[in-house]
Amino acid sequence: IGADQPHSHLVARFLHLVSDRAVEHHAQSVQVPADVMHPDSVMLAKGAGEYADMCSGCHLAPGFFRGPLHDGLYPRPPWFTRGTDVPYKEFFWETKHGIKDTAMPAWGRSHTDADLWAVVAFVEHMHGMSPAQYREMVAGATPDTDMVQLPMPEATGTIIQTVDTTSATQSMPQGMRRRRGH
């Protein structure tokens, strides 16, 4: 169950096969916008900004190297600076809906389809990009307005807010509750 030990080869192969087929099935109805195939500079700039904010921590970027976050995830996220062979519609579906038990979030809950298509276009464009080119594109990107950063509270040594999780835990099925002390 721990993310620090990989699945056996057979289990990993089975999980990848099932996941790939499920995404392929769900993505069948996705229509790829024409501008994604030949993005303009505005779309690429939008995608660069979104990618820097949402994706680069796990999927890295030109000039980024594997670090503790990337190395601590299992399965390890793809390194998109090396390119991807995932079809556009499947890549979009995965970005929008996420993948359970992989740490891949469902970005469609906080971003528009246009934002996500810009990310898809940018990832396709990023292959072979130098670190300087990446920095230049990100510097020229419009800020990601979907991810509002709240001011941090001042450190006063007091608890700011407590949350009662008793009712949430009691409503979980028996097998879903976390066991303590084991």
Protein backbone atom coordinates (compact mmCIF):
# COMPACT_ATOMS: atom_id res chain seq x y z
CA ILE A 1 0.00 0.00 0.00
CA GLY A 2 2.94 2.34 0.61
CA ALA A 3 4.01 4.57 -2.27
CA ASP A 4 7.67 3.82 -1.56
CA GLN A 5 7.45 0.27 -2.92
CA PRO A 6 6.37 -0.31 -6.54
CA HIS A 7 3.80 -2.87 -7.55
CA SER A 8 5.02 -6.18 -8.93
CA HIS A 9 5.58 -6.13 -12.69
CA LEU A 10 2.38 -8.08 -13.32
CA VAL A 11 0.22 -5.83 -11.13
CA ALA A 12 1.76 -2.65 -12.56
CA ARG A 13 1.19 -3.84 -16.12
CA PHE A 14 -2.43 -4.75 -15.34
CA LEU A 15 -3.14 -1.39 -13.67
CA HIS A 16 -1.60 0.56 -16.55
CA LEU A 17 -3.55 -1.45 -19.10
CA VAL A 18 -6.86 -0.96 -17.30
CA SER A 19 -6.20 2.75 -16.73
CA ASP A 20 -5.14 3.33 -20.35
CA ARG A 21 -8.23 1.54 -21.69
CA ALA A 22 -10.55 3.41 -19.32
CA VAL A 23 -9.15 6.80 -20.36
CA GLU A 24 -9.31 5.80 -24.02
CA HIS A 25 -12.98 4.83 -23.58
CA HIS A 26 -13.98 7.98 -21.68
CA ALA A 27 -12.10 10.27 -24.07
CA GLN A 28 -13.88 8.96 -27.18
CA SER A 29 -16.45 11.75 -27.11
CA VAL A 30 -13.90 14.54 -26.58
CA GLN A 31 -13.67 16.89 -29.56
CA VAL A 32 -10.24 18.43 -30.09
CA PRO A 33 -10.57 22.13 -30.97
CA ALA A 34 -8.87 23.04 -34.26
CA ASP A 35 -6.73 25.73 -32.63
CA VAL A 36 -5.07 23.16 -30.35
CA MET A 37 -3.45 21.47 -33.34
CA HIS A 38 -1.90 24.79 -34.47
CA PRO A 39 -1.90 27.04 -31.39
CA ASP A 40 -1.19 30.74 -31.63
CA SER A 41 1.15 32.61 -29.29
CA VAL A 42 -1.73 33.68 -27.02
CA MET A 43 -2.83 30.08 -26.43
CA LEU A 44 0.76 28.94 -25.84
CA ALA A 45 1.36 31.79 -23.37
CA LYS A 46 -1.83 30.85 -21.49
CA GLY A 47 -0.76 27.20 -21.48
CA ALA A 48 2.74 28.11 -20.25
CA GLY A 49 1.32 30.02 -17.30
CA GLU A 50 -1.16 27.30 -16.40
CA TYR A 51 1.51 24.60 -16.76
CA ALA A 52 3.96 26.51 -14.54
CA ASP A 53 1.28 26.92 -11.84
CA MET A 54 -0.44 23.53 -11.98
CA CYS A 55 1.89 20.98 -13.56
CA SER A 56 5.59 21.76 -13.28
CA GLY A 57 5.92 20.62 -9.66
CA CYS A 58 5.14 17.03 -10.59
CA HIS A 59 5.72 16.83 -14.36
CA LEU A 60 8.78 19.11 -14.33
CA ALA A 61 9.74 21.64 -17.00
CA PRO A 62 12.82 22.50 -19.08
CA GLY A 63 15.65 23.16 -16.64
CA PHE A 64 13.83 21.46 -13.73
CA PHE A 65 15.30 18.33 -12.23
CA ARG A 66 13.68 15.55 -10.30
CA GLY A 67 13.22 16.44 -6.69
CA PRO A 68 11.60 15.09 -3.53
CA LEU A 69 8.01 15.65 -4.72
CA HIS A 70 8.51 13.98 -8.09
CA ASP A 71 10.52 11.12 -6.59
CA GLY A 72 8.04 10.57 -3.75
CA LEU A 73 5.03 9.96 -6.00
CA TYR A 74 4.03 6.49 -7.14
CA PRO A 75 3.40 5.98 -9.85
CA ARG A 76 5.89 8.63 -10.90
CA PRO A 77 4.31 11.30 -13.08
CA PRO A 78 5.42 11.53 -16.71
CA TRP A 79 8.22 13.97 -17.42
CA PHE A 80 6.69 16.06 -20.22
CA THR A 81 9.91 17.77 -21.28
CA ARG A 82 10.66 14.46 -22.98
CA GLY A 83 7.41 14.65 -24.94
CA THR A 84 4.27 12.55 -24.77
CA ASP A 85 2.65 10.10 -27.11
CA VAL A 86 -0.77 10.40 -25.46
CA PRO A 87 -3.40 11.52 -28.01
CA TYR A 88 -4.73 15.06 -27.45
CA LYS A 89 -8.24 13.95 -26.44
CA GLU A 90 -6.91 11.48 -23.85
CA PHE A 91 -4.41 14.00 -22.50
CA PHE A 92 -7.23 16.54 -22.13
CA TRP A 93 -9.51 14.00 -20.42
CA GLU A 94 -6.80 13.02 -17.92
CA THR A 95 -6.05 16.68 -17.19
CA LYS A 96 -9.72 17.56 -16.74
CA HIS A 97 -10.85 14.53 -14.72
CA GLY A 98 -7.64 13.37 -13.03
CA ILE A 99 -6.68 9.77 -12.35
CA LYS A 100 -7.67 8.11 -9.08
CA ASP A 101 -4.90 6.88 -6.78
CA THR A 102 -2.12 8.60 -8.75
CA ALA A 103 -2.08 12.13 -7.24
CA MET A 104 -3.24 13.49 -10.63
CA PRO A 105 -5.87 16.10 -9.73
CA ALA A 106 -9.09 16.76 -11.60
CA TRP A 107 -8.23 20.24 -12.88
CA GLY A 108 -11.63 20.54 -14.54
CA ARG A 109 -13.12 21.43 -11.17
CA SER A 110 -11.16 24.67 -11.02
CA HIS A 111 -10.27 25.46 -14.64
CA THR A 112 -12.19 25.99 -17.86
CA ASP A 113 -11.90 23.69 -20.85
CA ALA A 114 -10.12 26.51 -22.69
CA ASP A 115 -7.50 26.69 -19.91
CA LEU A 116 -6.94 22.93 -20.09
CA TRP A 117 -6.72 22.85 -23.89
CA ALA A 118 -4.07 25.58 -23.62
CA VAL A 119 -2.09 23.29 -21.31
CA VAL A 120 -2.42 20.40 -23.78
CA ALA A 121 -1.19 22.62 -26.63
CA PHE A 122 1.69 23.91 -24.54
CA VAL A 123 2.85 20.44 -23.47
CA GLU A 124 2.97 19.38 -27.11
CA HIS A 125 4.96 22.53 -27.92
CA MET A 126 7.31 22.20 -24.90
CA HIS A 127 9.18 19.12 -26.16
CA GLY A 128 12.73 20.18 -26.98
CA MET A 129 12.30 23.64 -25.44
CA SER A 130 15.36 25.06 -23.69
CA PRO A 131 15.19 26.28 -20.07
CA ALA A 132 15.65 29.87 -21.33
CA GLN A 133 12.75 29.51 -23.80
CA TYR A 134 10.56 28.05 -21.05
CA ARG A 135 11.38 30.89 -18.62
CA GLU A 136 10.65 33.44 -21.35
CA MET A 137 7.25 31.90 -22.14
CA VAL A 138 6.27 31.67 -18.48
CA ALA A 139 7.41 35.26 -17.83
CA GLY A 140 5.16 36.44 -20.68
CA ALA A 141 2.16 34.39 -19.55
CA THR A 142 -0.95 35.91 -18.07
CA PRO A 143 -1.35 35.12 -14.36
CA ASP A 144 -3.45 32.09 -13.50
CA THR A 145 -6.58 33.72 -12.07
CA ASP A 146 -8.22 30.41 -11.18
CA MET A 147 -5.79 29.75 -8.36
CA VAL A 148 -6.37 32.55 -5.87
CA GLN A 149 -3.65 32.80 -3.27
CA LEU A 150 -4.93 33.72 0.16
CA PRO A 151 -2.75 35.71 2.55
CA MET A 152 -1.05 33.60 5.19
CA PRO A 153 -2.16 34.27 8.77
CA GLU A 154 0.39 35.79 11.11
CA ALA A 155 2.15 33.31 13.35
CA THR A 156 0.79 34.02 16.82
CA GLY A 157 1.24 30.63 18.40
CA THR A 158 -2.52 30.11 18.67
CA ILE A 159 -4.76 27.79 16.74
CA ILE A 160 -6.59 29.73 14.06
CA GLN A 161 -9.35 27.24 13.31
CA THR A 162 -10.25 23.77 14.47
CA VAL A 163 -12.30 21.29 12.50
CA ASP A 164 -14.48 18.58 14.04
CA THR A 165 -14.06 15.46 11.92
CA THR A 166 -15.98 13.13 14.23
CA SER A 167 -19.21 13.12 12.21
CA ALA A 168 -17.38 12.63 8.91
CA THR A 169 -15.42 9.67 10.28
CA GLN A 170 -18.52 8.07 11.81
CA SER A 171 -20.39 8.23 8.48
CA MET A 172 -17.61 6.37 6.62
CA PRO A 173 -18.06 2.66 5.95
CA GLN A 174 -16.14 0.55 8.46
CA GLY A 175 -13.35 -0.42 6.03
CA MET A 176 -12.73 3.21 5.03
CA ARG A 177 -11.91 4.54 8.50
CA ARG A 178 -8.27 5.15 9.27
CA ARG A 179 -6.90 3.02 12.06
CA ARG A 180 -4.61 4.71 14.56
CA GLY A 181 -1.82 3.08 16.50
CA HIS A 182 -1.15 0.23 14.05
